[in-house]
Amino acid sequence: MFRFFNRVRTIVASEVNSLLNKAEDPAKMLDQFLADMEKDLAEVESAVAKQIANEKVLKNKYEEAVAYVNRREEQALKALESGDEELARRVLEDKNKQQGNADSLKLSYEEAQKLSAELREKLQEMKEEYNEMKMKKDSLKARSESAKARSKVNKTMSGIGSGAKAGFERMEEKVIHHEAEAETSEEMRSVNRTLDDELKQLDRNSAVDNDLAALKAKLQNKNEA
């Protein structure tokens, strides 16, 4: 179980780039890793709780055995004081049996204490690793989203460069062509307008000349009369 935590930590720390490049969604994968870690944490907490309970049971039994041994010694002393040496002997024999039981319980209790301390330490390490992974998850998810955004922007920019931008360039060429056509048409119109104006001026000059000739003729006739 503890090896699982180390494996998860290795995956998260060393294979993030691989996850980003694969089809798996890194955010979902990280959430799954944390869910697995939470499940293992719950199992370990349950095991530690059972061990602590077992330690307490052994402690109570050991204390009871010690109390029993002490009580038998006091009883043997009373029997001896009353002059009943035989009773004192039997009580001491029972005391010695219970002393062996107490010694055995003491060893079991001490081993249980040691195991409980080790499991508590391991559990604390697992919780610290879990909290570390939990904090790192937010950072990795943010990096994943940034990578997706950057990839999308790059693809969009690439599309603009190869497609939309080329289309804009073609439209610009057409606009320039239309502007050139309009300018040429305007120049031709200006030339034609100048010719028409000159022709109209000729017509106007001719009319004036005719009027002038008529006046001259009228004046000559008047002088002759």
Protein backbone atom coordinates (compact mmCIF):
# COMPACT_ATOMS: atom_id res chain seq x y z
CA MET A 1 0.00 0.00 0.00
CA PHE A 2 2.83 2.37 0.85
CA ARG A 3 4.51 1.37 -2.41
CA PHE A 4 1.37 2.49 -4.22
CA PHE A 5 1.86 6.00 -2.84
CA ASN A 6 5.44 6.06 -4.05
CA ARG A 7 4.30 4.86 -7.47
CA VAL A 8 1.66 7.56 -7.71
CA ARG A 9 4.16 10.21 -6.65
CA THR A 10 6.56 9.00 -9.36
CA ILE A 11 3.84 9.12 -12.00
CA VAL A 12 2.75 12.60 -11.02
CA ALA A 13 6.28 13.96 -10.74
CA SER A 14 7.91 12.25 -13.74
CA GLU A 15 5.23 11.45 -16.31
CA VAL A 16 3.11 14.59 -16.53
CA ASN A 17 4.43 15.50 -19.96
CA SER A 18 3.63 11.99 -21.16
CA LEU A 19 0.07 12.31 -19.89
CA LEU A 20 -0.30 15.66 -21.63
CA ASN A 21 0.77 14.12 -24.92
CA LYS A 22 -1.55 11.11 -24.66
CA ALA A 23 -5.26 10.81 -25.22
CA GLU A 24 -5.99 10.68 -21.46
CA ASP A 25 -7.27 13.84 -19.86
CA PRO A 26 -4.58 14.78 -17.28
CA ALA A 27 -7.16 16.43 -15.02
CA LYS A 28 -9.26 13.25 -14.90
CA MET A 29 -6.19 11.07 -14.42
CA LEU A 30 -4.99 13.20 -11.49
CA ASP A 31 -8.44 13.10 -9.90
CA GLN A 32 -8.39 9.30 -10.23
CA PHE A 33 -4.94 9.08 -8.64
CA LEU A 34 -6.14 11.14 -5.69
CA ALA A 35 -9.28 9.03 -5.37
CA ASP A 36 -7.12 5.89 -5.21
CA MET A 37 -4.91 7.51 -2.61
CA GLU A 38 -7.94 8.51 -0.53
CA LYS A 39 -9.18 4.91 -0.63
CA ASP A 40 -5.81 3.58 0.55
CA LEU A 41 -5.65 6.24 3.25
CA ALA A 42 -9.03 5.13 4.57
CA GLU A 43 -7.87 1.49 4.66
CA VAL A 44 -4.65 2.39 6.46
CA GLU A 45 -6.50 4.59 8.96
CA SER A 46 -8.80 1.66 9.68
CA ALA A 47 -5.82 -0.67 10.19
CA VAL A 48 -4.10 1.84 12.48
CA ALA A 49 -7.29 2.26 14.51
CA LYS A 50 -7.54 -1.52 14.98
CA GLN A 51 -3.89 -1.72 16.02
CA ILE A 52 -4.37 1.09 18.55
CA ALA A 53 -7.43 -0.71 19.92
CA ASN A 54 -5.39 -3.93 20.20
CA GLU A 55 -2.64 -2.02 21.99
CA LYS A 56 -5.16 -0.70 24.53
CA VAL A 57 -6.57 -4.18 25.12
CA LEU A 58 -3.07 -5.57 25.78
CA LYS A 59 -2.30 -2.65 28.06
CA ASN A 60 -5.43 -3.31 30.13
CA LYS A 61 -4.66 -7.03 30.34
CA TYR A 62 -1.07 -6.35 31.34
CA GLU A 63 -2.14 -3.88 34.03
CA GLU A 64 -4.69 -6.38 35.32
CA ALA A 65 -2.02 -9.11 35.43
CA VAL A 66 0.36 -6.83 37.33
CA ALA A 67 -2.39 -5.90 39.76
CA TYR A 68 -3.21 -9.60 40.22
CA VAL A 69 0.44 -10.44 40.95
CA ASN A 70 0.68 -7.59 43.48
CA ARG A 71 -2.52 -8.69 45.13
CA ARG A 72 -1.31 -12.30 45.43
CA GLU A 73 1.90 -11.10 47.04
CA GLU A 74 -0.05 -9.12 49.61
CA GLN A 75 -2.27 -12.14 50.24
CA ALA A 76 0.75 -14.41 50.69
CA LEU A 77 2.17 -11.92 53.18
CA LYS A 78 -1.09 -11.91 55.16
CA ALA A 79 -1.23 -15.73 55.17
CA LEU A 80 2.33 -15.85 56.44
CA GLU A 81 1.58 -13.26 59.11
CA SER A 82 -1.37 -15.36 60.27
CA GLY A 83 0.93 -18.36 60.61
CA ASP A 84 -0.49 -20.30 57.65
CA GLU A 85 2.72 -20.99 55.76
CA GLU A 86 1.10 -23.61 53.52
CA LEU A 87 -1.51 -21.14 52.29
CA ALA A 88 1.21 -18.58 51.76
CA ARG A 89 3.13 -21.08 49.64
CA ARG A 90 0.11 -21.85 47.41
CA VAL A 91 -0.59 -18.17 46.97
CA LEU A 92 3.02 -17.53 45.96
CA GLU A 93 2.88 -20.40 43.47
CA ASP A 94 -0.16 -18.82 41.83
CA LYS A 95 1.56 -15.45 41.94
CA ASN A 96 4.55 -16.87 40.07
CA LYS A 97 2.26 -18.30 37.37
CA GLN A 98 0.55 -14.95 36.95
CA GLN A 99 3.94 -13.23 36.89
CA GLY A 100 4.85 -15.28 33.82
CA ASN A 101 1.57 -14.27 32.21
CA ALA A 102 2.21 -10.62 33.13
CA ASP A 103 5.72 -10.78 31.64
CA SER A 104 4.34 -12.27 28.43
CA LEU A 105 1.62 -9.58 28.25
CA LYS A 106 4.24 -6.91 28.84
CA LEU A 107 6.24 -8.07 25.81
CA SER A 108 3.09 -8.20 23.68
CA TYR A 109 2.05 -4.73 24.86
CA GLU A 110 5.49 -3.25 24.14
CA GLU A 111 5.49 -4.78 20.64
CA ALA A 112 1.99 -3.41 20.08
CA GLN A 113 3.16 0.04 21.19
CA LYS A 114 6.06 -0.11 18.77
CA LEU A 115 3.88 -1.26 15.89
CA SER A 116 1.28 1.43 16.61
CA ALA A 117 3.98 4.11 16.58
CA GLU A 118 5.34 2.82 13.25
CA LEU A 119 1.88 2.72 11.70
CA ARG A 120 1.09 6.22 12.95
CA GLU A 121 4.30 7.46 11.38
CA LYS A 122 3.53 5.73 8.07
CA LEU A 123 0.01 7.08 8.11
CA GLN A 124 1.31 10.60 8.70
CA GLU A 125 3.74 10.21 5.80
CA MET A 126 0.90 9.05 3.56
CA LYS A 127 -1.24 12.03 4.59
CA GLU A 128 1.62 14.42 3.87
CA GLU A 129 2.18 12.83 0.46
CA TYR A 130 -1.52 12.98 -0.25
CA ASN A 131 -1.70 16.66 0.70
CA GLU A 132 1.37 17.33 -1.44
CA MET A 133 -0.21 15.58 -4.42
CA LYS A 134 -3.48 17.42 -3.80
CA MET A 135 -1.74 20.80 -3.94
CA LYS A 136 0.32 19.74 -6.93
CA LYS A 137 -2.83 18.57 -8.71
CA ASP A 138 -4.18 22.14 -8.91
CA SER A 139 -0.89 23.33 -10.38
CA LEU A 140 -0.78 20.47 -12.91
CA LYS A 141 -4.39 20.99 -13.93
CA ALA A 142 -3.65 24.69 -14.50
CA ARG A 143 -0.61 23.75 -16.59
CA SER A 144 -2.73 21.32 -18.56
CA GLU A 145 -5.35 23.98 -19.29
CA SER A 146 -2.61 26.43 -20.28
CA ALA A 147 -1.11 23.86 -22.64
CA LYS A 148 -4.53 23.22 -24.22
CA ALA A 149 -5.11 26.96 -24.65
CA ARG A 150 -1.67 27.46 -26.16
CA SER A 151 -2.22 24.56 -28.55
CA LYS A 152 -5.59 25.93 -29.60
CA VAL A 153 -4.16 29.40 -30.20
CA ASN A 154 -1.28 27.96 -32.23
CA LYS A 155 -3.68 25.92 -34.36
CA THR A 156 -5.90 28.97 -34.87
CA MET A 157 -2.92 31.13 -35.82
CA SER A 158 -1.77 28.43 -38.21
CA GLY A 159 -5.22 28.38 -39.80
CA ILE A 160 -5.15 32.13 -40.20
CA GLY A 161 -1.73 31.99 -41.84
CA SER A 162 -2.60 29.28 -44.33
CA GLY A 163 -6.25 30.01 -45.00
CA ALA A 164 -7.84 33.23 -43.86
CA LYS A 165 -4.69 35.29 -44.32
CA ALA A 166 -4.25 34.03 -47.86
CA GLY A 167 -7.89 34.88 -48.54
CA PHE A 168 -7.36 38.40 -47.25
CA GLU A 169 -4.37 38.78 -49.54
CA ARG A 170 -6.45 37.68 -52.55
CA MET A 171 -9.19 40.14 -51.65
CA GLU A 172 -6.61 42.89 -51.27
CA GLU A 173 -5.29 42.15 -54.75
CA LYS A 174 -8.82 42.33 -56.15
CA VAL A 175 -9.43 45.66 -54.41
CA ILE A 176 -6.18 47.03 -55.81
CA HIS A 177 -7.21 45.79 -59.27
CA HIS A 178 -10.64 47.42 -58.97
CA GLU A 179 -9.03 50.66 -57.80
CA ALA A 180 -6.74 50.60 -60.83
CA GLU A 181 -9.72 49.99 -63.13
CA ALA A 182 -11.59 52.87 -61.54
CA GLU A 183 -8.61 55.18 -61.89
CA THR A 184 -8.17 54.24 -65.56
CA SER A 185 -11.87 54.78 -66.17
CA GLU A 186 -11.67 58.17 -64.50
CA GLU A 187 -8.72 59.18 -66.68
CA MET A 188 -10.53 58.09 -69.84
CA ARG A 189 -13.60 59.97 -68.74
CA SER A 190 -11.49 63.08 -68.16
CA VAL A 191 -9.96 62.81 -71.64
CA ASN A 192 -13.34 62.36 -73.24
CA ARG A 193 -14.75 65.28 -71.26
CA THR A 194 -11.93 67.56 -72.49
CA LEU A 195 -12.59 66.64 -76.12
CA ASP A 196 -16.29 67.25 -75.73
CA ASP A 197 -15.64 70.59 -74.10
CA GLU A 198 -13.35 71.66 -76.95
CA LEU A 199 -15.93 70.62 -79.51
CA LYS A 200 -18.63 72.54 -77.67
CA GLN A 201 -16.33 75.55 -77.53
CA LEU A 202 -15.88 75.34 -81.28
CA ASP A 203 -19.64 75.35 -81.68
CA ARG A 204 -19.88 78.36 -79.39
CA ASN A 205 -17.10 80.19 -81.27
CA SER A 206 -18.78 79.45 -84.59
CA ALA A 207 -22.07 80.90 -83.36
CA VAL A 208 -20.31 84.06 -82.16
CA ASP A 209 -18.50 84.41 -85.46
CA ASN A 210 -21.80 84.13 -87.32
CA ASP A 211 -23.41 86.72 -85.05
CA LEU A 212 -20.42 89.02 -85.53
CA ALA A 213 -20.56 88.64 -89.30
CA ALA A 214 -24.28 89.44 -89.28
CA LEU A 215 -23.68 92.60 -87.24
CA LYS A 216 -20.89 93.66 -89.56
CA ALA A 217 -23.17 93.19 -92.57
CA LYS A 218 -25.95 95.12 -90.83
CA LEU A 219 -23.56 97.96 -90.02
CA GLN A 220 -22.27 98.12 -93.61
CA ASN A 221 -25.76 98.27 -95.02
CA LYS A 222 -26.58 101.09 -92.62
CA ASN A 223 -23.54 103.12 -93.68
CA GLU A 224 -24.28 102.65 -97.33
CA ALA A 225 -27.79 103.92 -96.88
